[in-house]
Amino acid sequence: MRLLTLLLALFSVGMAQPRIVTVDDLKAALSNPKVFVIDVRTREEFAQGHIKGAVNWPVQEIEGWWSRVPKDRAVYIHCNTQNRSAVAVQYLINKGYRNLNLVHGGIQAWMARRYPITR
């Protein structure tokens, strides 16, 4: 929770803010075909299990993919917990993106709820 407070403080310094959402919010949003989910974990982590329909764009490669993020869709970004996804969200905010959702707890929270993953 302390990290979440720090993230909120960082995002609130005169910049656009992402919505910080739960995995329950993400699961509900997946019924909308316009939702775009980005998993910023490594390819190896993604291969071990991921949310169906998510694209795997590792945060380490953000310079190569950031411009492909749709601006006309709700974008949900997650990683293992929310550390790397927070970095990706901040990067995208700095590039002018506004419709961003940071998934609190990441894939770990998703699996703790026993939501389905695919390989």
PDB file of N, CA and C in Angstrom:
ATOM      1  N   MET A   1       0.820  -1.190   0.000  1.00  0.00           N
ATOM      2  CA  MET A   1       0.000   0.000   0.000  1.00  0.00           C
ATOM      3  C   MET A   1       0.869   1.260   0.000  1.00  0.00           C
ATOM      4  N   ARG A   2       2.039   1.156   0.628  1.00  0.00           N
ATOM      5  CA  ARG A   2       2.948   2.290   0.653  1.00  0.00           C
ATOM      6  C   ARG A   2       3.406   2.662  -0.753  1.00  0.00           C
ATOM      7  N   LEU A   3       3.668   1.645  -1.581  1.00  0.00           N
ATOM      8  CA  LEU A   3       4.065   1.901  -2.964  1.00  0.00           C
ATOM      9  C   LEU A   3       2.937   2.597  -3.718  1.00  0.00           C
ATOM     10  N   LEU A   4       1.711   2.166  -3.497  1.00  0.00           N
ATOM     11  CA  LEU A   4       0.569   2.781  -4.157  1.00  0.00           C
ATOM     12  C   LEU A   4       0.466   4.255  -3.787  1.00  0.00           C
ATOM     13  N   THR A   5       0.685   4.583  -2.528  1.00  0.00           N
ATOM     14  CA  THR A   5       0.656   5.974  -2.081  1.00  0.00           C
ATOM     15  C   THR A   5       1.751   6.774  -2.774  1.00  0.00           C
ATOM     16  N   LEU A   6       2.937   6.192  -2.878  1.00  0.00           N
ATOM     17  CA  LEU A   6       4.041   6.857  -3.559  1.00  0.00           C
ATOM     18  C   LEU A   6       3.718   7.074  -5.036  1.00  0.00           C
ATOM     19  N   LEU A   7       3.152   6.074  -5.670  1.00  0.00           N
ATOM     20  CA  LEU A   7       2.784   6.211  -7.083  1.00  0.00           C
ATOM     21  C   LEU A   7       1.766   7.324  -7.281  1.00  0.00           C
ATOM     22  N   LEU A   8       0.772   7.365  -6.424  1.00  0.00           N
ATOM     23  CA  LEU A   8      -0.233   8.422  -6.526  1.00  0.00           C
ATOM     24  C   LEU A   8       0.403   9.795  -6.366  1.00  0.00           C
ATOM     25  N   ALA A   9       1.338   9.913  -5.443  1.00  0.00           N
ATOM     26  CA  ALA A   9       2.028  11.187  -5.238  1.00  0.00           C
ATOM     27  C   ALA A   9       2.825  11.576  -6.479  1.00  0.00           C
ATOM     28  N   LEU A  10       3.521  10.623  -7.064  1.00  0.00           N
ATOM     29  CA  LEU A  10       4.309  10.914  -8.267  1.00  0.00           C
ATOM     30  C   LEU A  10       3.417  11.336  -9.424  1.00  0.00           C
ATOM     31  N   PHE A  11       2.281  10.673  -9.580  1.00  0.00           N
ATOM     32  CA  PHE A  11       1.394  10.984 -10.690  1.00  0.00           C
ATOM     33  C   PHE A  11       0.676  12.310 -10.498  1.00  0.00           C
ATOM     34  N   SER A  12       0.551  12.772  -9.274  1.00  0.00           N
ATOM     35  CA  SER A  12      -0.244  13.964  -9.013  1.00  0.00           C
ATOM     36  C   SER A  12       0.545  15.263  -9.140  1.00  0.00           C
ATOM     37  N   VAL A  13       1.805  15.204  -9.466  1.00  0.00           N
ATOM     38  CA  VAL A  13       2.636  16.396  -9.566  1.00  0.00           C
ATOM     39  C   VAL A  13       2.360  17.115 -10.884  1.00  0.00           C
ATOM     40  N   GLY A  14       1.195  17.726 -10.972  1.00  0.00           N
ATOM     41  CA  GLY A  14       0.868  18.550 -12.120  1.00  0.00           C
ATOM     42  C   GLY A  14       0.739  17.827 -13.444  1.00  0.00           C
ATOM     43  N   MET A  15       0.550  16.534 -13.424  1.00  0.00           N
ATOM     44  CA  MET A  15       0.461  15.783 -14.669  1.00  0.00           C
ATOM     45  C   MET A  15      -0.878  15.063 -14.751  1.00  0.00           C
ATOM     46  N   ALA A  16      -1.154  14.563 -15.923  1.00  0.00           N
ATOM     47  CA  ALA A  16      -2.315  13.695 -16.067  1.00  0.00           C
ATOM     48  C   ALA A  16      -2.096  12.477 -15.191  1.00  0.00           C
ATOM     49  N   GLN A  17      -3.171  11.922 -14.713  1.00  0.00           N
ATOM     50  CA  GLN A  17      -3.061  10.767 -13.843  1.00  0.00           C
ATOM     51  C   GLN A  17      -3.741   9.563 -14.472  1.00  0.00           C
ATOM     52  N   PRO A  18      -3.161   8.399 -14.293  1.00  0.00           N
ATOM     53  CA  PRO A  18      -3.860   7.191 -14.739  1.00  0.00           C
ATOM     54  C   PRO A  18      -4.916   6.835 -13.709  1.00  0.00           C
ATOM     55  N   ARG A  19      -5.836   6.029 -14.113  1.00  0.00           N
ATOM     56  CA  ARG A  19      -6.740   5.430 -13.137  1.00  0.00           C
ATOM     57  C   ARG A  19      -5.995   4.241 -12.559  1.00  0.00           C
ATOM     58  N   ILE A  20      -6.021   4.108 -11.272  1.00  0.00           N
ATOM     59  CA  ILE A  20      -5.455   2.919 -10.641  1.00  0.00           C
ATOM     60  C   ILE A  20      -6.633   1.994 -10.385  1.00  0.00           C
ATOM     61  N   VAL A  21      -6.588   0.828 -11.038  1.00  0.00           N
ATOM     62  CA  VAL A  21      -7.719  -0.091 -11.014  1.00  0.00           C
ATOM     63  C   VAL A  21      -7.312  -1.420 -10.408  1.00  0.00           C
ATOM     64  N   THR A  22      -8.306  -2.163  -9.989  1.00  0.00           N
ATOM     65  CA  THR A  22      -8.067  -3.498  -9.443  1.00  0.00           C
ATOM     66  C   THR A  22      -8.142  -4.532 -10.560  1.00  0.00           C
ATOM     67  N   VAL A  23      -7.723  -5.733 -10.249  1.00  0.00           N
ATOM     68  CA  VAL A  23      -7.864  -6.810 -11.229  1.00  0.00           C
ATOM     69  C   VAL A  23      -9.337  -7.125 -11.465  1.00  0.00           C
ATOM     70  N   ASP A  24     -10.185  -6.875 -10.480  1.00  0.00           N
ATOM     71  CA  ASP A  24     -11.624  -7.052 -10.683  1.00  0.00           C
ATOM     72  C   ASP A  24     -12.133  -6.068 -11.733  1.00  0.00           C
ATOM     73  N   ASP A  25     -11.648  -4.826 -11.673  1.00  0.00           N
ATOM     74  CA  ASP A  25     -12.011  -3.830 -12.683  1.00  0.00           C
ATOM     75  C   ASP A  25     -11.550  -4.269 -14.065  1.00  0.00           C
ATOM     76  N   LEU A  26     -10.324  -4.787 -14.143  1.00  0.00           N
ATOM     77  CA  LEU A  26      -9.802  -5.257 -15.425  1.00  0.00           C
ATOM     78  C   LEU A  26     -10.634  -6.410 -15.951  1.00  0.00           C
ATOM     79  N   LYS A  27     -10.948  -7.358 -15.103  1.00  0.00           N
ATOM     80  CA  LYS A  27     -11.736  -8.514 -15.547  1.00  0.00           C
ATOM     81  C   LYS A  27     -13.071  -8.054 -16.112  1.00  0.00           C
ATOM     82  N   ALA A  28     -13.723  -7.126 -15.433  1.00  0.00           N
ATOM     83  CA  ALA A  28     -15.004  -6.600 -15.916  1.00  0.00           C
ATOM     84  C   ALA A  28     -14.835  -5.864 -17.248  1.00  0.00           C
ATOM     85  N   ALA A  29     -13.735  -5.135 -17.387  1.00  0.00           N
ATOM     86  CA  ALA A  29     -13.489  -4.363 -18.605  1.00  0.00           C
ATOM     87  C   ALA A  29     -13.236  -5.247 -19.818  1.00  0.00           C
ATOM     88  N   LEU A  30     -12.746  -6.464 -19.586  1.00  0.00           N
ATOM     89  CA  LEU A  30     -12.405  -7.344 -20.709  1.00  0.00           C
ATOM     90  C   LEU A  30     -13.604  -7.730 -21.565  1.00  0.00           C
ATOM     91  N   SER A  31     -14.803  -7.509 -21.060  1.00  0.00           N
ATOM     92  CA  SER A  31     -15.989  -7.802 -21.877  1.00  0.00           C
ATOM     93  C   SER A  31     -16.152  -6.779 -23.008  1.00  0.00           C
ATOM     94  N   ASN A  32     -15.435  -5.667 -22.915  1.00  0.00           N
ATOM     95  CA  ASN A  32     -15.474  -4.642 -23.951  1.00  0.00           C
ATOM     96  C   ASN A  32     -14.367  -4.932 -24.966  1.00  0.00           C
ATOM     97  N   PRO A  33     -14.723  -5.215 -26.227  1.00  0.00           N
ATOM     98  CA  PRO A  33     -13.694  -5.559 -27.221  1.00  0.00           C
ATOM     99  C   PRO A  33     -12.731  -4.409 -27.542  1.00  0.00           C
ATOM    100  N   LYS A  34     -13.051  -3.192 -27.146  1.00  0.00           N
ATOM    101  CA  LYS A  34     -12.167  -2.060 -27.414  1.00  0.00           C
ATOM    102  C   LYS A  34     -11.064  -1.906 -26.373  1.00  0.00           C
ATOM    103  N   VAL A  35     -11.141  -2.663 -25.289  1.00  0.00           N
ATOM    104  CA  VAL A  35     -10.119  -2.588 -24.246  1.00  0.00           C
ATOM    105  C   VAL A  35      -8.810  -3.146 -24.779  1.00  0.00           C
ATOM    106  N   PHE A  36      -7.720  -2.479 -24.455  1.00  0.00           N
ATOM    107  CA  PHE A  36      -6.391  -2.873 -24.897  1.00  0.00           C
ATOM    108  C   PHE A  36      -5.546  -3.138 -23.664  1.00  0.00           C
ATOM    109  N   VAL A  37      -5.015  -4.357 -23.538  1.00  0.00           N
ATOM    110  CA  VAL A  37      -4.252  -4.747 -22.349  1.00  0.00           C
ATOM    111  C   VAL A  37      -2.797  -4.962 -22.735  1.00  0.00           C
ATOM    112  N   ILE A  38      -1.915  -4.289 -22.002  1.00  0.00           N
ATOM    113  CA  ILE A  38      -0.481  -4.426 -22.231  1.00  0.00           C
ATOM    114  C   ILE A  38       0.147  -5.062 -20.996  1.00  0.00           C
ATOM    115  N   ASP A  39       0.851  -6.160 -21.224  1.00  0.00           N
ATOM    116  CA  ASP A  39       1.612  -6.848 -20.185  1.00  0.00           C
ATOM    117  C   ASP A  39       3.062  -6.458 -20.403  1.00  0.00           C
ATOM    118  N   VAL A  40       3.639  -5.718 -19.451  1.00  0.00           N
ATOM    119  CA  VAL A  40       4.994  -5.202 -19.649  1.00  0.00           C
ATOM    120  C   VAL A  40       6.073  -6.079 -19.015  1.00  0.00           C
ATOM    121  N   ARG A  41       5.714  -7.310 -18.672  1.00  0.00           N
ATOM    122  CA  ARG A  41       6.714  -8.244 -18.132  1.00  0.00           C
ATOM    123  C   ARG A  41       7.609  -8.755 -19.258  1.00  0.00           C
ATOM    124  N   THR A  42       8.646  -9.477 -18.873  1.00  0.00           N
ATOM    125  CA  THR A  42       9.541 -10.058 -19.874  1.00  0.00           C
ATOM    126  C   THR A  42       8.805 -11.125 -20.691  1.00  0.00           C
ATOM    127  N   ARG A  43       9.373 -11.483 -21.818  1.00  0.00           N
ATOM    128  CA  ARG A  43       8.774 -12.533 -22.662  1.00  0.00           C
ATOM    129  C   ARG A  43       8.702 -13.863 -21.911  1.00  0.00           C
ATOM    130  N   GLU A  44       9.718 -14.135 -21.108  1.00  0.00           N
ATOM    131  CA  GLU A  44       9.740 -15.385 -20.339  1.00  0.00           C
ATOM    132  C   GLU A  44       8.606 -15.406 -19.314  1.00  0.00           C
ATOM    133  N   GLU A  45       8.414 -14.308 -18.625  1.00  0.00           N
ATOM    134  CA  GLU A  45       7.316 -14.228 -17.649  1.00  0.00           C
ATOM    135  C   GLU A  45       5.962 -14.372 -18.348  1.00  0.00           C
ATOM    136  N   PHE A  46       5.805 -13.701 -19.470  1.00  0.00           N
ATOM    137  CA  PHE A  46       4.565 -13.756 -20.239  1.00  0.00           C
ATOM    138  C   PHE A  46       4.263 -15.188 -20.662  1.00  0.00           C
ATOM    139  N   ALA A  47       5.286 -15.911 -21.107  1.00  0.00           N
ATOM    140  CA  ALA A  47       5.109 -17.294 -21.566  1.00  0.00           C
ATOM    141  C   ALA A  47       4.662 -18.224 -20.434  1.00  0.00           C
ATOM    142  N   GLN A  48       4.959 -17.872 -19.206  1.00  0.00           N
ATOM    143  CA  GLN A  48       4.560 -18.698 -18.062  1.00  0.00           C
ATOM    144  C   GLN A  48       3.073 -18.570 -17.748  1.00  0.00           C
ATOM    145  N   GLY A  49       2.439 -17.556 -18.280  1.00  0.00           N
ATOM    146  CA  GLY A  49       1.007 -17.365 -18.087  1.00  0.00           C
ATOM    147  C   GLY A  49       0.645 -15.900 -18.162  1.00  0.00           C
ATOM    148  N   HIS A  50      -0.422 -15.605 -18.911  1.00  0.00           N
ATOM    149  CA  HIS A  50      -0.829 -14.219 -19.099  1.00  0.00           C
ATOM    150  C   HIS A  50      -2.339 -14.125 -19.281  1.00  0.00           C
ATOM    151  N   ILE A  51      -2.835 -12.920 -19.255  1.00  0.00           N
ATOM    152  CA  ILE A  51      -4.252 -12.655 -19.458  1.00  0.00           C
ATOM    153  C   ILE A  51      -4.546 -12.780 -20.943  1.00  0.00           C
ATOM    154  N   LYS A  52      -5.567 -13.558 -21.257  1.00  0.00           N
ATOM    155  CA  LYS A  52      -5.927 -13.778 -22.657  1.00  0.00           C
ATOM    156  C   LYS A  52      -6.213 -12.442 -23.344  1.00  0.00           C
ATOM    157  N   GLY A  53      -5.599 -12.275 -24.500  1.00  0.00           N
ATOM    158  CA  GLY A  53      -5.795 -11.068 -25.293  1.00  0.00           C
ATOM    159  C   GLY A  53      -4.770  -9.971 -25.032  1.00  0.00           C
ATOM    160  N   ALA A  54      -3.985 -10.113 -23.981  1.00  0.00           N
ATOM    161  CA  ALA A  54      -2.972  -9.101 -23.675  1.00  0.00           C
ATOM    162  C   ALA A  54      -1.826  -9.179 -24.680  1.00  0.00           C
ATOM    163  N   VAL A  55      -1.253  -8.022 -24.996  1.00  0.00           N
ATOM    164  CA  VAL A  55      -0.035  -7.997 -25.803  1.00  0.00           C
ATOM    165  C   VAL A  55       1.148  -7.953 -24.851  1.00  0.00           C
ATOM    166  N   ASN A  56       2.241  -8.551 -25.249  1.00  0.00           N
ATOM    167  CA  ASN A  56       3.441  -8.549 -24.419  1.00  0.00           C
ATOM    168  C   ASN A  56       4.436  -7.564 -24.997  1.00  0.00           C
ATOM    169  N   TRP A  57       4.488  -6.411 -24.385  1.00  0.00           N
ATOM    170  CA  TRP A  57       5.431  -5.380 -24.762  1.00  0.00           C
ATOM    171  C   TRP A  57       6.275  -5.063 -23.529  1.00  0.00           C
ATOM    172  N   PRO A  58       7.418  -5.723 -23.368  1.00  0.00           N
ATOM    173  CA  PRO A  58       8.240  -5.526 -22.172  1.00  0.00           C
ATOM    174  C   PRO A  58       8.642  -4.068 -21.962  1.00  0.00           C
ATOM    175  N   VAL A  59       8.581  -3.641 -20.715  1.00  0.00           N
ATOM    176  CA  VAL A  59       8.921  -2.254 -20.394  1.00  0.00           C
ATOM    177  C   VAL A  59      10.353  -1.925 -20.815  1.00  0.00           C
ATOM    178  N   GLN A  60      11.235  -2.920 -20.816  1.00  0.00           N
ATOM    179  CA  GLN A  60      12.624  -2.680 -21.213  1.00  0.00           C
ATOM    180  C   GLN A  60      12.729  -2.261 -22.679  1.00  0.00           C
ATOM    181  N   GLU A  61      11.677  -2.527 -23.457  1.00  0.00           N
ATOM    182  CA  GLU A  61      11.672  -2.204 -24.885  1.00  0.00           C
ATOM    183  C   GLU A  61      10.699  -1.077 -25.221  1.00  0.00           C
ATOM    184  N   ILE A  62      10.329  -0.281 -24.239  1.00  0.00           N
ATOM    185  CA  ILE A  62       9.272   0.717 -24.414  1.00  0.00           C
ATOM    186  C   ILE A  62       9.563   1.715 -25.536  1.00  0.00           C
ATOM    187  N   GLU A  63      10.822   2.036 -25.749  1.00  0.00           N
ATOM    188  CA  GLU A  63      11.176   2.965 -26.841  1.00  0.00           C
ATOM    189  C   GLU A  63      10.718   2.438 -28.199  1.00  0.00           C
ATOM    190  N   GLY A  64      10.655   1.129 -28.332  1.00  0.00           N
ATOM    191  CA  GLY A  64      10.271   0.529 -29.606  1.00  0.00           C
ATOM    192  C   GLY A  64       8.776   0.347 -29.805  1.00  0.00           C
ATOM    193  N   TRP A  65       7.986   0.416 -28.734  1.00  0.00           N
ATOM    194  CA  TRP A  65       6.559   0.143 -28.900  1.00  0.00           C
ATOM    195  C   TRP A  65       5.616   1.245 -28.442  1.00  0.00           C
ATOM    196  N   TRP A  66       6.087   2.224 -27.723  1.00  0.00           N
ATOM    197  CA  TRP A  66       5.175   3.196 -27.126  1.00  0.00           C
ATOM    198  C   TRP A  66       4.253   3.855 -28.144  1.00  0.00           C
ATOM    199  N   SER A  67       4.730   4.101 -29.340  1.00  0.00           N
ATOM    200  CA  SER A  67       3.903   4.812 -30.333  1.00  0.00           C
ATOM    201  C   SER A  67       2.786   3.937 -30.907  1.00  0.00           C
ATOM    202  N   ARG A  68       2.805   2.640 -30.630  1.00  0.00           N
ATOM    203  CA  ARG A  68       1.745   1.742 -31.102  1.00  0.00           C
ATOM    204  C   ARG A  68       0.579   1.640 -30.117  1.00  0.00           C
ATOM    205  N   VAL A  69       0.723   2.245 -28.957  1.00  0.00           N
ATOM    206  CA  VAL A  69      -0.350   2.206 -27.963  1.00  0.00           C
ATOM    207  C   VAL A  69      -1.516   3.051 -28.492  1.00  0.00           C
ATOM    208  N   PRO A  70      -2.705   2.465 -28.582  1.00  0.00           N
ATOM    209  CA  PRO A  70      -3.836   3.229 -29.125  1.00  0.00           C
ATOM    210  C   PRO A  70      -4.256   4.357 -28.193  1.00  0.00           C
ATOM    211  N   LYS A  71      -4.548   5.493 -28.778  1.00  0.00           N
ATOM    212  CA  LYS A  71      -5.021   6.636 -27.984  1.00  0.00           C
ATOM    213  C   LYS A  71      -6.540   6.693 -27.935  1.00  0.00           C
ATOM    214  N   ASP A  72      -7.201   5.895 -28.757  1.00  0.00           N
ATOM    215  CA  ASP A  72      -8.661   5.941 -28.834  1.00  0.00           C
ATOM    216  C   ASP A  72      -9.333   4.775 -28.104  1.00  0.00           C
ATOM    217  N   ARG A  73      -8.581   4.081 -27.276  1.00  0.00           N
ATOM    218  CA  ARG A  73      -9.126   2.934 -26.534  1.00  0.00           C
ATOM    219  C   ARG A  73      -8.692   3.019 -25.078  1.00  0.00           C
ATOM    220  N   ALA A  74      -9.445   2.376 -24.213  1.00  0.00           N
ATOM    221  CA  ALA A  74      -9.025   2.266 -22.817  1.00  0.00           C
ATOM    222  C   ALA A  74      -7.859   1.292 -22.766  1.00  0.00           C
ATOM    223  N   VAL A  75      -6.753   1.711 -22.178  1.00  0.00           N
ATOM    224  CA  VAL A  75      -5.545   0.907 -22.119  1.00  0.00           C
ATOM    225  C   VAL A  75      -5.293   0.510 -20.662  1.00  0.00           C
ATOM    226  N   TYR A  76      -5.147  -0.780 -20.439  1.00  0.00           N
ATOM    227  CA  TYR A  76      -4.836  -1.333 -19.122  1.00  0.00           C
ATOM    228  C   TYR A  76      -3.420  -1.874 -19.179  1.00  0.00           C
ATOM    229  N   ILE A  77      -2.594  -1.452 -18.222  1.00  0.00           N
ATOM    230  CA  ILE A  77      -1.199  -1.866 -18.216  1.00  0.00           C
ATOM    231  C   ILE A  77      -0.905  -2.580 -16.908  1.00  0.00           C
ATOM    232  N   HIS A  78      -0.274  -3.757 -17.035  1.00  0.00           N
ATOM    233  CA  HIS A  78       0.077  -4.510 -15.832  1.00  0.00           C
ATOM    234  C   HIS A  78       1.418  -5.201 -16.005  1.00  0.00           C
ATOM    235  N   CYS A  79       1.964  -5.622 -14.885  1.00  0.00           N
ATOM    236  CA  CYS A  79       3.197  -6.412 -14.869  1.00  0.00           C
ATOM    237  C   CYS A  79       3.014  -7.502 -13.823  1.00  0.00           C
ATOM    238  N   ASN A  80       4.034  -7.809 -13.072  1.00  0.00           N
ATOM    239  CA  ASN A  80       3.926  -8.840 -12.045  1.00  0.00           C
ATOM    240  C   ASN A  80       3.164  -8.313 -10.830  1.00  0.00           C
ATOM    241  N   THR A  81       3.528  -7.125 -10.362  1.00  0.00           N
ATOM    242  CA  THR A  81       2.822  -6.501  -9.239  1.00  0.00           C
ATOM    243  C   THR A  81       2.258  -5.163  -9.709  1.00  0.00           C
ATOM    244  N   GLN A  82       3.029  -4.136  -9.770  1.00  0.00           N
ATOM    245  CA  GLN A  82       2.687  -2.900 -10.474  1.00  0.00           C
ATOM    246  C   GLN A  82       3.876  -1.966 -10.580  1.00  0.00           C
ATOM    247  N   ASN A  83       5.054  -2.454 -10.277  1.00  0.00           N
ATOM    248  CA  ASN A  83       6.244  -1.605 -10.339  1.00  0.00           C
ATOM    249  C   ASN A  83       6.627  -1.234 -11.766  1.00  0.00           C
ATOM    250  N   ARG A  84       6.813  -2.219 -12.622  1.00  0.00           N
ATOM    251  CA  ARG A  84       7.195  -1.935 -14.021  1.00  0.00           C
ATOM    252  C   ARG A  84       6.061  -1.270 -14.787  1.00  0.00           C
ATOM    253  N   SER A  85       4.835  -1.660 -14.484  1.00  0.00           N
ATOM    254  CA  SER A  85       3.710  -1.028 -15.176  1.00  0.00           C
ATOM    255  C   SER A  85       3.607   0.444 -14.805  1.00  0.00           C
ATOM    256  N   ALA A  86       3.949   0.803 -13.566  1.00  0.00           N
ATOM    257  CA  ALA A  86       3.942   2.216 -13.179  1.00  0.00           C
ATOM    258  C   ALA A  86       4.972   3.003 -13.983  1.00  0.00           C
ATOM    259  N   VAL A  87       6.117   2.399 -14.234  1.00  0.00           N
ATOM    260  CA  VAL A  87       7.149   3.038 -15.057  1.00  0.00           C
ATOM    261  C   VAL A  87       6.609   3.246 -16.471  1.00  0.00           C
ATOM    262  N   ALA A  88       5.972   2.228 -17.027  1.00  0.00           N
ATOM    263  CA  ALA A  88       5.422   2.330 -18.386  1.00  0.00           C
ATOM    264  C   ALA A  88       4.331   3.391 -18.459  1.00  0.00           C
ATOM    265  N   VAL A  89       3.454   3.413 -17.472  1.00  0.00           N
ATOM    266  CA  VAL A  89       2.371   4.404 -17.454  1.00  0.00           C
ATOM    267  C   VAL A  89       2.947   5.815 -17.399  1.00  0.00           C
ATOM    268  N   GLN A  90       3.918   6.034 -16.541  1.00  0.00           N
ATOM    269  CA  GLN A  90       4.520   7.367 -16.441  1.00  0.00           C
ATOM    270  C   GLN A  90       5.171   7.768 -17.761  1.00  0.00           C
ATOM    271  N   TYR A  91       5.843   6.843 -18.402  1.00  0.00           N
ATOM    272  CA  TYR A  91       6.466   7.105 -19.702  1.00  0.00           C
ATOM    273  C   TYR A  91       5.403   7.533 -20.718  1.00  0.00           C
ATOM    274  N   LEU A  92       4.301   6.778 -20.760  1.00  0.00           N
ATOM    275  CA  LEU A  92       3.236   7.083 -21.723  1.00  0.00           C
ATOM    276  C   LEU A  92       2.549   8.409 -21.418  1.00  0.00           C
ATOM    277  N   ILE A  93       2.375   8.729 -20.154  1.00  0.00           N
ATOM    278  CA  ILE A  93       1.813  10.035 -19.786  1.00  0.00           C
ATOM    279  C   ILE A  93       2.717  11.140 -20.312  1.00  0.00           C
ATOM    280  N   ASN A  94       4.015  10.947 -20.161  1.00  0.00           N
ATOM    281  CA  ASN A  94       4.972  11.943 -20.657  1.00  0.00           C
ATOM    282  C   ASN A  94       4.922  12.081 -22.178  1.00  0.00           C
ATOM    283  N   LYS A  95       4.434  11.047 -22.857  1.00  0.00           N
ATOM    284  CA  LYS A  95       4.296  11.087 -24.318  1.00  0.00           C
ATOM    285  C   LYS A  95       2.914  11.580 -24.746  1.00  0.00           C
ATOM    286  N   GLY A  96       2.074  11.946 -23.786  1.00  0.00           N
ATOM    287  CA  GLY A  96       0.773  12.531 -24.121  1.00  0.00           C
ATOM    288  C   GLY A  96      -0.417  11.612 -24.001  1.00  0.00           C
ATOM    289  N   TYR A  97      -0.227  10.406 -23.540  1.00  0.00           N
ATOM    290  CA  TYR A  97      -1.350   9.473 -23.380  1.00  0.00           C
ATOM    291  C   TYR A  97      -2.161   9.834 -22.147  1.00  0.00           C
ATOM    292  N   ARG A  98      -3.482   9.636 -22.229  1.00  0.00           N
ATOM    293  CA  ARG A  98      -4.355  10.015 -21.125  1.00  0.00           C
ATOM    294  C   ARG A  98      -5.302   8.904 -20.673  1.00  0.00           C
ATOM    295  N   ASN A  99      -5.681   7.996 -21.531  1.00  0.00           N
ATOM    296  CA  ASN A  99      -6.693   6.985 -21.192  1.00  0.00           C
ATOM    297  C   ASN A  99      -6.017   5.712 -20.670  1.00  0.00           C
ATOM    298  N   LEU A 100      -5.237   5.872 -19.585  1.00  0.00           N
ATOM    299  CA  LEU A 100      -4.428   4.771 -19.070  1.00  0.00           C
ATOM    300  C   LEU A 100      -4.960   4.265 -17.736  1.00  0.00           C
ATOM    301  N   ASN A 101      -4.905   2.964 -17.583  1.00  0.00           N
ATOM    302  CA  ASN A 101      -5.327   2.298 -16.356  1.00  0.00           C
ATOM    303  C   ASN A 101      -4.171   1.453 -15.846  1.00  0.00           C
ATOM    304  N   LEU A 102      -3.710   1.752 -14.644  1.00  0.00           N
ATOM    305  CA  LEU A 102      -2.637   1.006 -13.999  1.00  0.00           C
ATOM    306  C   LEU A 102      -3.283  -0.071 -13.128  1.00  0.00           C
ATOM    307  N   VAL A 103      -2.991  -1.329 -13.435  1.00  0.00           N
ATOM    308  CA  VAL A 103      -3.624  -2.445 -12.731  1.00  0.00           C
ATOM    309  C   VAL A 103      -2.855  -2.733 -11.443  1.00  0.00           C
ATOM    310  N   HIS A 104      -3.475  -2.401 -10.333  1.00  0.00           N
ATOM    311  CA  HIS A 104      -2.861  -2.595  -9.007  1.00  0.00           C
ATOM    312  C   HIS A 104      -2.728  -4.089  -8.708  1.00  0.00           C
ATOM    313  N   GLY A 105      -1.525  -4.499  -8.356  1.00  0.00           N
ATOM    314  CA  GLY A 105      -1.281  -5.897  -7.992  1.00  0.00           C
ATOM    315  C   GLY A 105      -0.868  -6.781  -9.141  1.00  0.00           C
ATOM    316  N   GLY A 106      -1.074  -6.322 -10.374  1.00  0.00           N
ATOM    317  CA  GLY A 106      -0.624  -7.048 -11.551  1.00  0.00           C
ATOM    318  C   GLY A 106      -1.091  -8.490 -11.647  1.00  0.00           C
ATOM    319  N   ILE A 107      -0.305  -9.287 -12.348  1.00  0.00           N
ATOM    320  CA  ILE A 107      -0.674 -10.684 -12.595  1.00  0.00           C
ATOM    321  C   ILE A 107      -0.735 -11.486 -11.289  1.00  0.00           C
ATOM    322  N   GLN A 108       0.040 -11.076 -10.293  1.00  0.00           N
ATOM    323  CA  GLN A 108      -0.005 -11.775  -9.005  1.00  0.00           C
ATOM    324  C   GLN A 108      -1.392 -11.638  -8.374  1.00  0.00           C
ATOM    325  N   ALA A 109      -1.955 -10.443  -8.410  1.00  0.00           N
ATOM    326  CA  ALA A 109      -3.304 -10.234  -7.872  1.00  0.00           C
ATOM    327  C   ALA A 109      -4.341 -10.965  -8.730  1.00  0.00           C
ATOM    328  N   TRP A 110      -4.121 -10.973 -10.041  1.00  0.00           N
ATOM    329  CA  TRP A 110      -5.022 -11.673 -10.967  1.00  0.00           C
ATOM    330  C   TRP A 110      -5.078 -13.162 -10.608  1.00  0.00           C
ATOM    331  N   MET A 111      -3.911 -13.766 -10.426  1.00  0.00           N
ATOM    332  CA  MET A 111      -3.861 -15.197 -10.115  1.00  0.00           C
ATOM    333  C   MET A 111      -4.376 -15.476  -8.696  1.00  0.00           C
ATOM    334  N   ALA A 112      -4.165 -14.551  -7.780  1.00  0.00           N
ATOM    335  CA  ALA A 112      -4.672 -14.736  -6.417  1.00  0.00           C
ATOM    336  C   ALA A 112      -6.199 -14.801  -6.407  1.00  0.00           C
ATOM    337  N   ARG A 113      -6.843 -14.120  -7.363  1.00  0.00           N
ATOM    338  CA  ARG A 113      -8.304 -14.167  -7.503  1.00  0.00           C
ATOM    339  C   ARG A 113      -8.750 -15.402  -8.290  1.00  0.00           C
ATOM    340  N   ARG A 114      -7.769 -16.179  -8.734  1.00  0.00           N
ATOM    341  CA  ARG A 114      -8.019 -17.387  -9.520  1.00  0.00           C
ATOM    342  C   ARG A 114      -8.702 -17.079 -10.871  1.00  0.00           C
ATOM    343  N   TYR A 115      -8.386 -15.920 -11.410  1.00  0.00           N
ATOM    344  CA  TYR A 115      -8.867 -15.573 -12.744  1.00  0.00           C
ATOM    345  C   TYR A 115      -8.036 -16.359 -13.759  1.00  0.00           C
ATOM    346  N   PRO A 116      -8.612 -16.650 -14.918  1.00  0.00           N
ATOM    347  CA  PRO A 116      -7.915 -17.516 -15.875  1.00  0.00           C
ATOM    348  C   PRO A 116      -6.690 -16.844 -16.503  1.00  0.00           C
ATOM    349  N   ILE A 117      -5.693 -17.684 -16.737  1.00  0.00           N
ATOM    350  CA  ILE A 117      -4.526 -17.258 -17.501  1.00  0.00           C
ATOM    351  C   ILE A 117      -4.363 -18.231 -18.651  1.00  0.00           C
ATOM    352  N   THR A 118      -3.655 -17.780 -19.634  1.00  0.00           N
ATOM    353  CA  THR A 118      -3.388 -18.618 -20.794  1.00  0.00           C
ATOM    354  C   THR A 118      -1.878 -18.682 -20.997  1.00  0.00           C
ATOM    355  N   ARG A 119      -1.439 -19.700 -21.717  1.00  0.00           N
ATOM    356  CA  ARG A 119      -0.009 -19.864 -21.992  1.00  0.00           C
ATOM    357  C   ARG A 119       0.220 -19.879 -23.485  1.00  0.00           C
TER     358      ARG A 119
END
